Amino acid sequence: MAEVDNQLEIKFRLTDGSDIGPKAFPDATTVVALKETVISQWPREKENGPKTVKEVKLISAGKVLDNNKTVKDYRNPVSNLVGAVTTMHVIIQPLLTEKEKKPKGDDPKMNKCVCTVM
């Protein structure tokens, strides 16, 4: 029975309202492992699936989860109820390429002021 108490039932809600899970995770499971689960179980028919852990943001109880924390760190009293399922929302933020990261104001032609005050 102690094994069940140390697990949390989690389902992952995607932006279109569909779900992955629910699935039981031990308290020692890291947020990175949760993100890897989302990537591996991402529905193949959905476009723009995440490719790396850095593209996935998990939100639970209004908080963006830190990669180095565990499921236990984000447990709340409701999740201790028998049969309770915790919903974590999944946000996908594709990584920017080097070209996209370049600030637009770096072009020397753009920084010249040609205004005349009369």
PDB file of N, CA and C in Angstrom:
ATOM      1  N   MET A   1       0.818  -1.204   0.000  1.00  0.00           N
ATOM      2  CA  MET A   1       0.000   0.000   0.000  1.00  0.00           C
ATOM      3  C   MET A   1       0.862   1.268   0.000  1.00  0.00           C
ATOM      4  N   ALA A   2       2.038   1.197   0.604  1.00  0.00           N
ATOM      5  CA  ALA A   2       2.916   2.364   0.652  1.00  0.00           C
ATOM      6  C   ALA A   2       3.355   2.763  -0.757  1.00  0.00           C
ATOM      7  N   GLU A   3       3.502   1.779  -1.655  1.00  0.00           N
ATOM      8  CA  GLU A   3       3.897   2.084  -3.021  1.00  0.00           C
ATOM      9  C   GLU A   3       2.885   2.990  -3.709  1.00  0.00           C
ATOM     10  N   VAL A   4       1.594   2.723  -3.495  1.00  0.00           N
ATOM     11  CA  VAL A   4       0.536   3.519  -4.113  1.00  0.00           C
ATOM     12  C   VAL A   4       0.539   4.936  -3.560  1.00  0.00           C
ATOM     13  N   ASP A   5       0.819   5.084  -2.246  1.00  0.00           N
ATOM     14  CA  ASP A   5       0.833   6.408  -1.627  1.00  0.00           C
ATOM     15  C   ASP A   5       1.950   7.280  -2.180  1.00  0.00           C
ATOM     16  N   ASN A   6       3.020   6.674  -2.667  1.00  0.00           N
ATOM     17  CA  ASN A   6       4.158   7.426  -3.172  1.00  0.00           C
ATOM     18  C   ASN A   6       4.075   7.674  -4.663  1.00  0.00           C
ATOM     19  N   GLN A   7       2.876   7.524  -5.227  1.00  0.00           N
ATOM     20  CA  GLN A   7       2.689   7.786  -6.652  1.00  0.00           C
ATOM     21  C   GLN A   7       1.612   8.841  -6.847  1.00  0.00           C
ATOM     22  N   LEU A   8       1.690   9.486  -7.980  1.00  0.00           N
ATOM     23  CA  LEU A   8       0.724  10.518  -8.323  1.00  0.00           C
ATOM     24  C   LEU A   8       0.171  10.217  -9.706  1.00  0.00           C
ATOM     25  N   GLU A   9      -1.143  10.196  -9.820  1.00  0.00           N
ATOM     26  CA  GLU A   9      -1.801  10.005 -11.124  1.00  0.00           C
ATOM     27  C   GLU A   9      -1.802  11.344 -11.841  1.00  0.00           C
ATOM     28  N   ILE A  10      -1.204  11.379 -13.017  1.00  0.00           N
ATOM     29  CA  ILE A  10      -1.096  12.632 -13.774  1.00  0.00           C
ATOM     30  C   ILE A  10      -1.619  12.420 -15.186  1.00  0.00           C
ATOM     31  N   LYS A  11      -2.402  13.408 -15.651  1.00  0.00           N
ATOM     32  CA  LYS A  11      -2.740  13.450 -17.075  1.00  0.00           C
ATOM     33  C   LYS A  11      -2.235  14.780 -17.602  1.00  0.00           C
ATOM     34  N   PHE A  12      -1.858  14.765 -18.849  1.00  0.00           N
ATOM     35  CA  PHE A  12      -1.297  15.951 -19.487  1.00  0.00           C
ATOM     36  C   PHE A  12      -2.318  16.507 -20.469  1.00  0.00           C
ATOM     37  N   ARG A  13      -2.741  17.748 -20.263  1.00  0.00           N
ATOM     38  CA  ARG A  13      -3.731  18.393 -21.119  1.00  0.00           C
ATOM     39  C   ARG A  13      -3.011  19.206 -22.176  1.00  0.00           C
ATOM     40  N   LEU A  14      -3.284  18.890 -23.431  1.00  0.00           N
ATOM     41  CA  LEU A  14      -2.681  19.606 -24.554  1.00  0.00           C
ATOM     42  C   LEU A  14      -3.500  20.846 -24.870  1.00  0.00           C
ATOM     43  N   THR A  15      -2.949  21.746 -25.657  1.00  0.00           N
ATOM     44  CA  THR A  15      -3.611  23.028 -25.928  1.00  0.00           C
ATOM     45  C   THR A  15      -4.932  22.879 -26.665  1.00  0.00           C
ATOM     46  N   ASP A  16      -5.119  21.773 -27.391  1.00  0.00           N
ATOM     47  CA  ASP A  16      -6.388  21.573 -28.102  1.00  0.00           C
ATOM     48  C   ASP A  16      -7.448  20.907 -27.223  1.00  0.00           C
ATOM     49  N   GLY A  17      -7.126  20.650 -25.952  1.00  0.00           N
ATOM     50  CA  GLY A  17      -8.082  20.059 -25.024  1.00  0.00           C
ATOM     51  C   GLY A  17      -7.992  18.553 -24.905  1.00  0.00           C
ATOM     52  N   SER A  18      -7.202  17.907 -25.755  1.00  0.00           N
ATOM     53  CA  SER A  18      -7.046  16.457 -25.641  1.00  0.00           C
ATOM     54  C   SER A  18      -6.043  16.135 -24.528  1.00  0.00           C
ATOM     55  N   ASP A  19      -6.041  14.886 -24.095  1.00  0.00           N
ATOM     56  CA  ASP A  19      -5.206  14.477 -22.969  1.00  0.00           C
ATOM     57  C   ASP A  19      -4.254  13.355 -23.337  1.00  0.00           C
ATOM     58  N   ILE A  20      -3.135  13.301 -22.624  1.00  0.00           N
ATOM     59  CA  ILE A  20      -2.236  12.154 -22.620  1.00  0.00           C
ATOM     60  C   ILE A  20      -2.334  11.588 -21.207  1.00  0.00           C
ATOM     61  N   GLY A  21      -2.647  10.330 -21.085  1.00  0.00           N
ATOM     62  CA  GLY A  21      -2.757   9.718 -19.762  1.00  0.00           C
ATOM     63  C   GLY A  21      -4.202   9.581 -19.350  1.00  0.00           C
ATOM     64  N   PRO A  22      -4.465   9.330 -18.093  1.00  0.00           N
ATOM     65  CA  PRO A  22      -3.596   9.450 -16.925  1.00  0.00           C
ATOM     66  C   PRO A  22      -2.658   8.264 -16.757  1.00  0.00           C
ATOM     67  N   LYS A  23      -1.563   8.539 -16.049  1.00  0.00           N
ATOM     68  CA  LYS A  23      -0.551   7.537 -15.774  1.00  0.00           C
ATOM     69  C   LYS A  23       0.009   7.818 -14.382  1.00  0.00           C
ATOM     70  N   ALA A  24       0.371   6.759 -13.663  1.00  0.00           N
ATOM     71  CA  ALA A  24       0.932   6.912 -12.315  1.00  0.00           C
ATOM     72  C   ALA A  24       2.437   7.132 -12.398  1.00  0.00           C
ATOM     73  N   PHE A  25       2.920   8.121 -11.642  1.00  0.00           N
ATOM     74  CA  PHE A  25       4.341   8.430 -11.576  1.00  0.00           C
ATOM     75  C   PHE A  25       4.776   8.410 -10.115  1.00  0.00           C
ATOM     76  N   PRO A  26       5.926   7.790  -9.807  1.00  0.00           N
ATOM     77  CA  PRO A  26       6.453   7.825  -8.438  1.00  0.00           C
ATOM     78  C   PRO A  26       6.821   9.252  -8.033  1.00  0.00           C
ATOM     79  N   ASP A  27       6.792   9.532  -6.726  1.00  0.00           N
ATOM     80  CA  ASP A  27       7.134  10.864  -6.220  1.00  0.00           C
ATOM     81  C   ASP A  27       8.529  11.318  -6.636  1.00  0.00           C
ATOM     82  N   ALA A  28       9.440  10.388  -6.842  1.00  0.00           N
ATOM     83  CA  ALA A  28      10.820  10.739  -7.170  1.00  0.00           C
ATOM     84  C   ALA A  28      11.006  11.086  -8.648  1.00  0.00           C
ATOM     85  N   THR A  29       9.959  10.996  -9.455  1.00  0.00           N
ATOM     86  CA  THR A  29      10.056  11.311 -10.882  1.00  0.00           C
ATOM     87  C   THR A  29      10.347  12.795 -11.074  1.00  0.00           C
ATOM     88  N   THR A  30      11.351  13.104 -11.894  1.00  0.00           N
ATOM     89  CA  THR A  30      11.688  14.506 -12.146  1.00  0.00           C
ATOM     90  C   THR A  30      10.756  15.098 -13.208  1.00  0.00           C
ATOM     91  N   VAL A  31      10.705  16.406 -13.248  1.00  0.00           N
ATOM     92  CA  VAL A  31       9.907  17.104 -14.251  1.00  0.00           C
ATOM     93  C   VAL A  31      10.452  16.804 -15.650  1.00  0.00           C
ATOM     94  N   VAL A  32      11.765  16.647 -15.776  1.00  0.00           N
ATOM     95  CA  VAL A  32      12.359  16.293 -17.068  1.00  0.00           C
ATOM     96  C   VAL A  32      11.801  14.957 -17.547  1.00  0.00           C
ATOM     97  N   ALA A  33      11.677  13.985 -16.640  1.00  0.00           N
ATOM     98  CA  ALA A  33      11.127  12.679 -17.006  1.00  0.00           C
ATOM     99  C   ALA A  33       9.664  12.807 -17.440  1.00  0.00           C
ATOM    100  N   LEU A  34       8.912  13.696 -16.804  1.00  0.00           N
ATOM    101  CA  LEU A  34       7.519  13.935 -17.209  1.00  0.00           C
ATOM    102  C   LEU A  34       7.488  14.497 -18.628  1.00  0.00           C
ATOM    103  N   LYS A  35       8.381  15.437 -18.911  1.00  0.00           N
ATOM    104  CA  LYS A  35       8.436  16.041 -20.245  1.00  0.00           C
ATOM    105  C   LYS A  35       8.822  14.999 -21.294  1.00  0.00           C
ATOM    106  N   GLU A  36       9.739  14.107 -20.940  1.00  0.00           N
ATOM    107  CA  GLU A  36      10.121  13.038 -21.863  1.00  0.00           C
ATOM    108  C   GLU A  36       8.939  12.115 -22.145  1.00  0.00           C
ATOM    109  N   THR A  37       8.103  11.884 -21.126  1.00  0.00           N
ATOM    110  CA  THR A  37       6.891  11.086 -21.316  1.00  0.00           C
ATOM    111  C   THR A  37       5.952  11.770 -22.295  1.00  0.00           C
ATOM    112  N   VAL A  38       5.785  13.082 -22.144  1.00  0.00           N
ATOM    113  CA  VAL A  38       4.919  13.841 -23.054  1.00  0.00           C
ATOM    114  C   VAL A  38       5.437  13.717 -24.485  1.00  0.00           C
ATOM    115  N   ILE A  39       6.748  13.865 -24.672  1.00  0.00           N
ATOM    116  CA  ILE A  39       7.333  13.780 -26.021  1.00  0.00           C
ATOM    117  C   ILE A  39       7.115  12.390 -26.613  1.00  0.00           C
ATOM    118  N   SER A  40       7.351  11.352 -25.811  1.00  0.00           N
ATOM    119  CA  SER A  40       7.240   9.981 -26.335  1.00  0.00           C
ATOM    120  C   SER A  40       5.793   9.581 -26.610  1.00  0.00           C
ATOM    121  N   GLN A  41       4.838  10.159 -25.878  1.00  0.00           N
ATOM    122  CA  GLN A  41       3.438   9.789 -26.062  1.00  0.00           C
ATOM    123  C   GLN A  41       2.646  10.824 -26.845  1.00  0.00           C
ATOM    124  N   TRP A  42       3.334  11.796 -27.418  1.00  0.00           N
ATOM    125  CA  TRP A  42       2.661  12.847 -28.203  1.00  0.00           C
ATOM    126  C   TRP A  42       1.901  12.185 -29.356  1.00  0.00           C
ATOM    127  N   PRO A  43       0.628  12.529 -29.538  1.00  0.00           N
ATOM    128  CA  PRO A  43      -0.153  11.927 -30.621  1.00  0.00           C
ATOM    129  C   PRO A  43       0.474  12.206 -31.988  1.00  0.00           C
ATOM    130  N   ARG A  44       0.712  11.163 -32.762  1.00  0.00           N
ATOM    131  CA  ARG A  44       1.386  11.281 -34.059  1.00  0.00           C
ATOM    132  C   ARG A  44       0.583  12.105 -35.063  1.00  0.00           C
ATOM    133  N   GLU A  45      -0.747  12.111 -34.923  1.00  0.00           N
ATOM    134  CA  GLU A  45      -1.568  12.841 -35.885  1.00  0.00           C
ATOM    135  C   GLU A  45      -1.550  14.352 -35.646  1.00  0.00           C
ATOM    136  N   LYS A  46      -1.031  14.794 -34.512  1.00  0.00           N
ATOM    137  CA  LYS A  46      -0.974  16.228 -34.212  1.00  0.00           C
ATOM    138  C   LYS A  46       0.303  16.823 -34.798  1.00  0.00           C
ATOM    139  N   GLU A  47       0.159  17.992 -35.375  1.00  0.00           N
ATOM    140  CA  GLU A  47       1.300  18.678 -35.962  1.00  0.00           C
ATOM    141  C   GLU A  47       2.088  19.397 -34.878  1.00  0.00           C
ATOM    142  N   ASN A  48       3.300  19.761 -35.225  1.00  0.00           N
ATOM    143  CA  ASN A  48       4.163  20.571 -34.365  1.00  0.00           C
ATOM    144  C   ASN A  48       4.399  19.951 -32.990  1.00  0.00           C
ATOM    145  N   GLY A  49       4.650  18.663 -32.962  1.00  0.00           N
ATOM    146  CA  GLY A  49       4.971  18.004 -31.705  1.00  0.00           C
ATOM    147  C   GLY A  49       6.341  18.429 -31.213  1.00  0.00           C
ATOM    148  N   PRO A  50       6.558  18.380 -29.902  1.00  0.00           N
ATOM    149  CA  PRO A  50       7.860  18.770 -29.364  1.00  0.00           C
ATOM    150  C   PRO A  50       8.933  17.753 -29.732  1.00  0.00           C
ATOM    151  N   LYS A  51      10.140  18.248 -29.915  1.00  0.00           N
ATOM    152  CA  LYS A  51      11.260  17.368 -30.259  1.00  0.00           C
ATOM    153  C   LYS A  51      12.258  17.245 -29.110  1.00  0.00           C
ATOM    154  N   THR A  52      12.321  18.281 -28.269  1.00  0.00           N
ATOM    155  CA  THR A  52      13.239  18.254 -27.130  1.00  0.00           C
ATOM    156  C   THR A  52      12.523  18.677 -25.863  1.00  0.00           C
ATOM    157  N   VAL A  53      13.140  18.356 -24.730  1.00  0.00           N
ATOM    158  CA  VAL A  53      12.580  18.708 -23.425  1.00  0.00           C
ATOM    159  C   VAL A  53      12.498  20.230 -23.260  1.00  0.00           C
ATOM    160  N   LYS A  54      13.445  20.952 -23.862  1.00  0.00           N
ATOM    161  CA  LYS A  54      13.471  22.412 -23.725  1.00  0.00           C
ATOM    162  C   LYS A  54      12.265  23.084 -24.376  1.00  0.00           C
ATOM    163  N   GLU A  55      11.612  22.406 -25.306  1.00  0.00           N
ATOM    164  CA  GLU A  55      10.443  22.975 -25.983  1.00  0.00           C
ATOM    165  C   GLU A  55       9.166  22.817 -25.158  1.00  0.00           C
ATOM    166  N   VAL A  56       9.187  21.974 -24.144  1.00  0.00           N
ATOM    167  CA  VAL A  56       7.978  21.641 -23.382  1.00  0.00           C
ATOM    168  C   VAL A  56       7.958  22.415 -22.070  1.00  0.00           C
ATOM    169  N   LYS A  57       6.840  23.056 -21.786  1.00  0.00           N
ATOM    170  CA  LYS A  57       6.596  23.702 -20.503  1.00  0.00           C
ATOM    171  C   LYS A  57       5.407  22.989 -19.864  1.00  0.00           C
ATOM    172  N   LEU A  58       5.544  22.597 -18.604  1.00  0.00           N
ATOM    173  CA  LEU A  58       4.441  21.989 -17.871  1.00  0.00           C
ATOM    174  C   LEU A  58       3.961  22.968 -16.820  1.00  0.00           C
ATOM    175  N   ILE A  59       2.641  23.090 -16.719  1.00  0.00           N
ATOM    176  CA  ILE A  59       2.037  24.001 -15.759  1.00  0.00           C
ATOM    177  C   ILE A  59       1.096  23.194 -14.877  1.00  0.00           C
ATOM    178  N   SER A  60       1.260  23.343 -13.560  1.00  0.00           N
ATOM    179  CA  SER A  60       0.381  22.686 -12.604  1.00  0.00           C
ATOM    180  C   SER A  60       0.025  23.684 -11.517  1.00  0.00           C
ATOM    181  N   ALA A  61      -1.256  23.812 -11.241  1.00  0.00           N
ATOM    182  CA  ALA A  61      -1.754  24.750 -10.224  1.00  0.00           C
ATOM    183  C   ALA A  61      -1.227  26.162 -10.466  1.00  0.00           C
ATOM    184  N   GLY A  62      -1.136  26.557 -11.746  1.00  0.00           N
ATOM    185  CA  GLY A  62      -0.724  27.905 -12.098  1.00  0.00           C
ATOM    186  C   GLY A  62       0.771  28.155 -12.045  1.00  0.00           C
ATOM    187  N   LYS A  63       1.565  27.111 -11.818  1.00  0.00           N
ATOM    188  CA  LYS A  63       3.013  27.270 -11.725  1.00  0.00           C
ATOM    189  C   LYS A  63       3.693  26.538 -12.872  1.00  0.00           C
ATOM    190  N   VAL A  64       4.686  27.194 -13.483  1.00  0.00           N
ATOM    191  CA  VAL A  64       5.520  26.532 -14.484  1.00  0.00           C
ATOM    192  C   VAL A  64       6.514  25.673 -13.709  1.00  0.00           C
ATOM    193  N   LEU A  65       6.568  24.384 -14.054  1.00  0.00           N
ATOM    194  CA  LEU A  65       7.382  23.449 -13.294  1.00  0.00           C
ATOM    195  C   LEU A  65       8.856  23.535 -13.686  1.00  0.00           C
ATOM    196  N   ASP A  66       9.727  23.469 -12.672  1.00  0.00           N
ATOM    197  CA  ASP A  66      11.183  23.499 -12.882  1.00  0.00           C
ATOM    198  C   ASP A  66      11.686  22.108 -13.212  1.00  0.00           C
ATOM    199  N   ASN A  67      12.601  22.019 -14.172  1.00  0.00           N
ATOM    200  CA  ASN A  67      13.133  20.726 -14.613  1.00  0.00           C
ATOM    201  C   ASN A  67      13.801  19.925 -13.505  1.00  0.00           C
ATOM    202  N   ASN A  68      14.457  20.590 -12.566  1.00  0.00           N
ATOM    203  CA  ASN A  68      15.223  19.874 -11.549  1.00  0.00           C
ATOM    204  C   ASN A  68      14.388  19.447 -10.333  1.00  0.00           C
ATOM    205  N   LYS A  69      13.111  19.756 -10.323  1.00  0.00           N
ATOM    206  CA  LYS A  69      12.247  19.361  -9.202  1.00  0.00           C
ATOM    207  C   LYS A  69      11.580  18.028  -9.501  1.00  0.00           C
ATOM    208  N   THR A  70      10.948  17.455  -8.474  1.00  0.00           N
ATOM    209  CA  THR A  70      10.290  16.161  -8.622  1.00  0.00           C
ATOM    210  C   THR A  70       8.778  16.303  -8.468  1.00  0.00           C
ATOM    211  N   VAL A  71       8.090  15.216  -8.766  1.00  0.00           N
ATOM    212  CA  VAL A  71       6.631  15.188  -8.617  1.00  0.00           C
ATOM    213  C   VAL A  71       6.246  15.509  -7.175  1.00  0.00           C
ATOM    214  N   LYS A  72       7.018  15.012  -6.239  1.00  0.00           N
ATOM    215  CA  LYS A  72       6.721  15.238  -4.810  1.00  0.00           C
ATOM    216  C   LYS A  72       6.707  16.729  -4.466  1.00  0.00           C
ATOM    217  N   ASP A  73       7.599  17.506  -5.102  1.00  0.00           N
ATOM    218  CA  ASP A  73       7.683  18.943  -4.829  1.00  0.00           C
ATOM    219  C   ASP A  73       6.411  19.692  -5.228  1.00  0.00           C
ATOM    220  N   TYR A  74       5.654  19.123  -6.164  1.00  0.00           N
ATOM    221  CA  TYR A  74       4.454  19.803  -6.664  1.00  0.00           C
ATOM    222  C   TYR A  74       3.156  19.138  -6.200  1.00  0.00           C
ATOM    223  N   ARG A  75       3.259  18.234  -5.245  1.00  0.00           N
ATOM    224  CA  ARG A  75       2.071  17.566  -4.708  1.00  0.00           C
ATOM    225  C   ARG A  75       1.222  18.571  -3.944  1.00  0.00           C
ATOM    226  N   ASN A  76      -0.085  18.451  -4.071  1.00  0.00           N
ATOM    227  CA  ASN A  76      -0.979  19.289  -3.277  1.00  0.00           C
ATOM    228  C   ASN A  76      -1.934  18.388  -2.497  1.00  0.00           C
ATOM    229  N   PRO A  77      -2.638  18.911  -1.494  1.00  0.00           N
ATOM    230  CA  PRO A  77      -3.499  18.071  -0.655  1.00  0.00           C
ATOM    231  C   PRO A  77      -4.569  17.312  -1.435  1.00  0.00           C
ATOM    232  N   VAL A  78      -5.071  17.881  -2.502  1.00  0.00           N
ATOM    233  CA  VAL A  78      -6.118  17.227  -3.289  1.00  0.00           C
ATOM    234  C   VAL A  78      -5.570  15.970  -3.965  1.00  0.00           C
ATOM    235  N   SER A  79      -4.295  16.001  -4.359  1.00  0.00           N
ATOM    236  CA  SER A  79      -3.715  14.852  -5.050  1.00  0.00           C
ATOM    237  C   SER A  79      -3.551  13.644  -4.131  1.00  0.00           C
ATOM    238  N   ASN A  80      -3.688  13.844  -2.823  1.00  0.00           N
ATOM    239  CA  ASN A  80      -3.575  12.734  -1.883  1.00  0.00           C
ATOM    240  C   ASN A  80      -4.882  11.954  -1.758  1.00  0.00           C
ATOM    241  N   LEU A  81      -5.975  12.465  -2.313  1.00  0.00           N
ATOM    242  CA  LEU A  81      -7.248  11.765  -2.251  1.00  0.00           C
ATOM    243  C   LEU A  81      -7.207  10.524  -3.125  1.00  0.00           C
ATOM    244  N   VAL A  82      -7.899   9.482  -2.689  1.00  0.00           N
ATOM    245  CA  VAL A  82      -7.935   8.237  -3.453  1.00  0.00           C
ATOM    246  C   VAL A  82      -8.619   8.490  -4.795  1.00  0.00           C
ATOM    247  N   GLY A  83      -7.981   8.072  -5.864  1.00  0.00           N
ATOM    248  CA  GLY A  83      -8.550   8.223  -7.199  1.00  0.00           C
ATOM    249  C   GLY A  83      -8.371   9.600  -7.817  1.00  0.00           C
ATOM    250  N   ALA A  84      -7.686  10.507  -7.122  1.00  0.00           N
ATOM    251  CA  ALA A  84      -7.492  11.859  -7.660  1.00  0.00           C
ATOM    252  C   ALA A  84      -6.472  11.832  -8.798  1.00  0.00           C
ATOM    253  N   VAL A  85      -6.762  12.611  -9.821  1.00  0.00           N
ATOM    254  CA  VAL A  85      -5.845  12.731 -10.965  1.00  0.00           C
ATOM    255  C   VAL A  85      -5.442  14.197 -11.076  1.00  0.00           C
ATOM    256  N   THR A  86      -4.150  14.435 -11.125  1.00  0.00           N
ATOM    257  CA  THR A  86      -3.622  15.786 -11.286  1.00  0.00           C
ATOM    258  C   THR A  86      -3.490  16.086 -12.771  1.00  0.00           C
ATOM    259  N   THR A  87      -4.010  17.237 -13.186  1.00  0.00           N
ATOM    260  CA  THR A  87      -3.886  17.650 -14.584  1.00  0.00           C
ATOM    261  C   THR A  87      -2.757  18.657 -14.704  1.00  0.00           C
ATOM    262  N   MET A  88      -1.831  18.363 -15.608  1.00  0.00           N
ATOM    263  CA  MET A  88      -0.753  19.298 -15.918  1.00  0.00           C
ATOM    264  C   MET A  88      -0.945  19.768 -17.350  1.00  0.00           C
ATOM    265  N   HIS A  89      -0.895  21.061 -17.542  1.00  0.00           N
ATOM    266  CA  HIS A  89      -1.092  21.632 -18.870  1.00  0.00           C
ATOM    267  C   HIS A  89       0.244  21.682 -19.602  1.00  0.00           C
ATOM    268  N   VAL A  90       0.205  21.355 -20.892  1.00  0.00           N
ATOM    269  CA  VAL A  90       1.407  21.283 -21.722  1.00  0.00           C
ATOM    270  C   VAL A  90       1.412  22.455 -22.693  1.00  0.00           C
ATOM    271  N   ILE A  91       2.490  23.219 -22.664  1.00  0.00           N
ATOM    272  CA  ILE A  91       2.691  24.321 -23.595  1.00  0.00           C
ATOM    273  C   ILE A  91       3.948  23.999 -24.404  1.00  0.00           C
ATOM    274  N   ILE A  92       3.857  24.135 -25.708  1.00  0.00           N
ATOM    275  CA  ILE A  92       5.000  23.874 -26.583  1.00  0.00           C
ATOM    276  C   ILE A  92       5.538  25.213 -27.077  1.00  0.00           C
ATOM    277  N   GLN A  93       6.823  25.451 -26.832  1.00  0.00           N
ATOM    278  CA  GLN A  93       7.499  26.652 -27.312  1.00  0.00           C
ATOM    279  C   GLN A  93       8.706  26.211 -28.130  1.00  0.00           C
ATOM    280  N   PRO A  94       8.552  26.145 -29.451  1.00  0.00           N
ATOM    281  CA  PRO A  94       9.682  25.721 -30.284  1.00  0.00           C
ATOM    282  C   PRO A  94      10.900  26.611 -30.063  1.00  0.00           C
ATOM    283  N   LEU A  95      12.074  25.998 -30.087  1.00  0.00           N
ATOM    284  CA  LEU A  95      13.306  26.749 -29.901  1.00  0.00           C
ATOM    285  C   LEU A  95      13.553  27.653 -31.104  1.00  0.00           C
ATOM    286  N   LEU A  96      14.099  28.822 -30.850  1.00  0.00           N
ATOM    287  CA  LEU A  96      14.413  29.766 -31.917  1.00  0.00           C
ATOM    288  C   LEU A  96      15.730  29.379 -32.572  1.00  0.00           C
ATOM    289  N   THR A  97      15.797  29.539 -33.859  1.00  0.00           N
ATOM    290  CA  THR A  97      17.052  29.302 -34.571  1.00  0.00           C
ATOM    291  C   THR A  97      17.955  30.516 -34.353  1.00  0.00           C
ATOM    292  N   GLU A  98      19.224  30.399 -34.703  1.00  0.00           N
ATOM    293  CA  GLU A  98      20.163  31.516 -34.552  1.00  0.00           C
ATOM    294  C   GLU A  98      19.700  32.735 -35.336  1.00  0.00           C
ATOM    295  N   LYS A  99      19.134  32.502 -36.508  1.00  0.00           N
ATOM    296  CA  LYS A  99      18.656  33.602 -37.345  1.00  0.00           C
ATOM    297  C   LYS A  99      17.504  34.335 -36.655  1.00  0.00           C
ATOM    298  N   GLU A 100      16.615  33.580 -35.997  1.00  0.00           N
ATOM    299  CA  GLU A 100      15.473  34.188 -35.320  1.00  0.00           C
ATOM    300  C   GLU A 100      15.884  34.905 -34.042  1.00  0.00           C
ATOM    301  N   LYS A 101      16.984  34.478 -33.409  1.00  0.00           N
ATOM    302  CA  LYS A 101      17.439  35.071 -32.158  1.00  0.00           C
ATOM    303  C   LYS A 101      18.058  36.445 -32.363  1.00  0.00           C
ATOM    304  N   LYS A 102      18.569  36.706 -33.574  1.00  0.00           N
ATOM    305  CA  LYS A 102      19.264  37.963 -33.844  1.00  0.00           C
ATOM    306  C   LYS A 102      18.298  39.133 -33.685  1.00  0.00           C
ATOM    307  N   PRO A 103      18.638  40.095 -32.818  1.00  0.00           N
ATOM    308  CA  PRO A 103      17.768  41.256 -32.653  1.00  0.00           C
ATOM    309  C   PRO A 103      17.642  42.034 -33.951  1.00  0.00           C
ATOM    310  N   LYS A 104      16.484  42.563 -34.188  1.00  0.00           N
ATOM    311  CA  LYS A 104      16.224  43.266 -35.439  1.00  0.00           C
ATOM    312  C   LYS A 104      16.919  44.617 -35.505  1.00  0.00           C
ATOM    313  N   GLY A 105      17.288  45.187 -34.373  1.00  0.00           N
ATOM    314  CA  GLY A 105      17.911  46.504 -34.343  1.00  0.00           C
ATOM    315  C   GLY A 105      19.400  46.494 -34.617  1.00  0.00           C
ATOM    316  N   ASP A 106      20.002  45.345 -34.907  1.00  0.00           N
ATOM    317  CA  ASP A 106      21.443  45.256 -35.136  1.00  0.00           C
ATOM    318  C   ASP A 106      21.862  45.683 -36.542  1.00  0.00           C
ATOM    319  N   ASP A 107      20.938  45.891 -37.423  1.00  0.00           N
ATOM    320  CA  ASP A 107      21.265  46.289 -38.793  1.00  0.00           C
ATOM    321  C   ASP A 107      21.713  47.755 -38.769  1.00  0.00           C
ATOM    322  N   PRO A 108      22.958  48.044 -39.193  1.00  0.00           N
ATOM    323  CA  PRO A 108      23.448  49.423 -39.136  1.00  0.00           C
ATOM    324  C   PRO A 108      22.593  50.399 -39.938  1.00  0.00           C
ATOM    325  N   LYS A 109      21.984  49.946 -41.000  1.00  0.00           N
ATOM    326  CA  LYS A 109      21.139  50.824 -41.798  1.00  0.00           C
ATOM    327  C   LYS A 109      19.897  51.253 -41.026  1.00  0.00           C
ATOM    328  N   MET A 110      19.476  50.434 -40.109  1.00  0.00           N
ATOM    329  CA  MET A 110      18.249  50.713 -39.354  1.00  0.00           C
ATOM    330  C   MET A 110      18.485  51.735 -38.245  1.00  0.00           C
ATOM    331  N   ASN A 111      19.732  51.919 -37.794  1.00  0.00           N
ATOM    332  CA  ASN A 111      20.008  52.768 -36.644  1.00  0.00           C
ATOM    333  C   ASN A 111      20.271  54.234 -37.010  1.00  0.00           C
ATOM    334  N   LYS A 112      20.236  54.577 -38.258  1.00  0.00           N
ATOM    335  CA  LYS A 112      20.514  55.957 -38.666  1.00  0.00           C
ATOM    336  C   LYS A 112      19.250  56.798 -38.540  1.00  0.00           C
ATOM    337  N   CYS A 113      19.393  57.907 -37.902  1.00  0.00           N
ATOM    338  CA  CYS A 113      18.273  58.825 -37.765  1.00  0.00           C
ATOM    339  C   CYS A 113      18.409  59.902 -38.836  1.00  0.00           C
ATOM    340  N   VAL A 114      17.364  60.126 -39.554  1.00  0.00           N
ATOM    341  CA  VAL A 114      17.391  61.126 -40.613  1.00  0.00           C
ATOM    342  C   VAL A 114      16.319  62.197 -40.392  1.00  0.00           C
ATOM    343  N   CYS A 115      15.946  62.388 -39.138  1.00  0.00           N
ATOM    344  CA  CYS A 115      14.925  63.374 -38.818  1.00  0.00           C
ATOM    345  C   CYS A 115      15.519  64.785 -38.811  1.00  0.00           C
ATOM    346  N   THR A 116      14.726  65.743 -39.238  1.00  0.00           N
ATOM    347  CA  THR A 116      15.151  67.140 -39.233  1.00  0.00           C
ATOM    348  C   THR A 116      14.105  67.937 -38.468  1.00  0.00           C
ATOM    349  N   VAL A 117      14.560  68.708 -37.480  1.00  0.00           N
ATOM    350  CA  VAL A 117      13.646  69.529 -36.700  1.00  0.00           C
ATOM    351  C   VAL A 117      13.793  70.962 -37.187  1.00  0.00           C
ATOM    352  N   MET A 118      12.702  71.600 -37.543  1.00  0.00           N
ATOM    353  CA  MET A 118      12.756  72.972 -38.047  1.00  0.00           C
ATOM    354  C   MET A 118      12.061  73.903 -37.114  1.00  0.00           C
TER     355      MET A 118
END
